[in-house]
Amino acid sequence: MSEAKTDSRTTKVGVVETDGRDKTRKVVVRFTARHPKYGKYVQRRTVLHVHDPENESRRGDVVEVTQCRPVSKTKRWRLVRVVERKSERLVEGA
């Protein structure tokens, strides 16, 4: 009768914008939203400060992040996995 505990935390996929700080990444999540007055779809973005304890992601990588407890004043997200490396995207695009 025990139920498996499901993880209902939000996950997002974005691109690493900066990797200059130790164990911290800035990830940009881009999306489109409908303008409330004109109805046109406009591009928006959200910048997330992500905890990356092993410093495994680099600038330009596509990563998956999830919500977590507050790690610092601004960090509320942690790195789950690197979906795609920047070098792999460049090779496929060429």
Protein backbone atom coordinates (compact mmCIF):
# COMPACT_ATOMS: atom_id res chain seq x y z
CA MET A 1 0.00 0.00 0.00
CA SER A 2 3.00 2.33 -0.07
CA GLU A 3 2.98 4.77 -2.95
CA ALA A 4 6.09 5.83 -4.80
CA LYS A 5 6.96 9.43 -4.06
CA THR A 6 6.84 11.49 -7.24
CA ASP A 7 9.04 14.52 -7.73
CA SER A 8 6.77 17.40 -8.74
CA ARG A 9 9.49 20.03 -8.93
CA THR A 10 9.62 22.22 -12.00
CA THR A 11 12.30 21.48 -14.57
CA LYS A 12 13.37 23.80 -17.37
CA VAL A 13 15.77 23.59 -20.30
CA GLY A 14 17.96 26.57 -21.16
CA VAL A 15 21.34 27.71 -22.44
CA VAL A 16 24.28 28.61 -20.18
CA GLU A 17 25.04 32.31 -20.64
CA THR A 18 27.91 32.78 -18.19
CA ASP A 19 30.23 30.36 -16.40
CA GLY A 20 32.72 32.75 -14.83
CA ARG A 21 31.89 32.05 -11.19
CA ASP A 22 32.75 28.90 -9.28
CA LYS A 23 29.78 26.48 -8.96
CA THR A 24 27.33 29.05 -10.37
CA ARG A 25 25.91 29.40 -13.86
CA LYS A 26 23.50 31.87 -15.41
CA VAL A 27 21.02 29.98 -17.57
CA VAL A 28 18.69 31.72 -20.03
CA VAL A 29 15.32 30.08 -20.67
CA ARG A 30 13.62 31.50 -23.78
CA PHE A 31 9.87 31.21 -24.47
CA THR A 32 7.10 32.91 -26.42
CA ALA A 33 4.14 34.58 -24.75
CA ARG A 34 1.02 36.18 -26.12
CA HIS A 35 0.86 39.96 -25.75
CA PRO A 36 -2.15 40.85 -23.55
CA LYS A 37 -3.40 43.74 -25.68
CA TYR A 38 -2.35 43.01 -29.25
CA GLY A 39 -2.43 39.21 -29.25
CA LYS A 40 0.89 38.95 -31.05
CA TYR A 41 3.38 36.35 -29.81
CA VAL A 42 6.54 37.95 -28.44
CA GLN A 43 9.79 36.35 -27.31
CA ARG A 44 10.58 36.51 -23.61
CA ARG A 45 13.39 35.15 -21.48
CA THR A 46 14.04 34.23 -17.89
CA VAL A 47 17.52 34.31 -16.35
CA LEU A 48 18.12 31.68 -13.65
CA HIS A 49 21.08 31.40 -11.30
CA VAL A 50 21.93 27.69 -11.19
CA HIS A 51 24.05 25.69 -8.73
CA ASP A 52 26.58 23.50 -10.58
CA PRO A 53 28.74 21.83 -7.88
CA GLU A 54 31.11 19.99 -10.28
CA ASN A 55 31.47 22.90 -12.75
CA GLU A 56 30.53 20.49 -15.55
CA SER A 57 28.64 22.93 -17.78
CA ARG A 58 30.26 25.54 -20.00
CA ARG A 59 29.06 28.64 -21.83
CA GLY A 60 26.74 27.75 -24.70
CA ASP A 61 25.72 24.31 -23.37
CA VAL A 62 22.05 23.33 -23.29
CA VAL A 63 21.22 22.21 -19.74
CA GLU A 64 18.27 20.93 -17.73
CA VAL A 65 17.70 22.55 -14.34
CA THR A 66 15.27 21.93 -11.50
CA GLN A 67 14.03 23.90 -8.52
CA CYS A 68 15.65 23.29 -5.14
CA ARG A 69 15.91 24.84 -1.74
CA PRO A 70 17.69 28.23 -1.63
CA VAL A 71 21.44 27.70 -1.96
CA SER A 72 22.26 31.41 -1.70
CA LYS A 73 20.52 34.77 -2.01
CA THR A 74 19.82 34.33 -5.73
CA LYS A 75 20.36 30.60 -6.43
CA ARG A 76 17.11 28.60 -6.32
CA TRP A 77 17.90 26.13 -9.13
CA ARG A 78 20.36 23.26 -9.53
CA LEU A 79 21.82 21.54 -12.56
CA VAL A 80 20.28 18.16 -13.41
CA ARG A 81 22.21 17.30 -16.58
CA VAL A 82 23.93 18.73 -19.61
CA VAL A 83 21.56 17.98 -22.50
CA GLU A 84 23.87 19.07 -25.31
CA ARG A 85 27.42 20.41 -25.40
CA LYS A 86 28.23 23.53 -27.42
CA SER A 87 30.90 21.73 -29.45
CA GLU A 88 28.40 19.02 -30.47
CA ARG A 89 25.97 21.65 -31.75
CA LEU A 90 28.71 23.34 -33.81
CA VAL A 91 29.74 20.06 -35.45
CA GLU A 92 26.12 19.19 -36.39
CA GLY A 93 25.43 22.70 -37.73
CA ALA A 94 28.51 22.80 -39.98
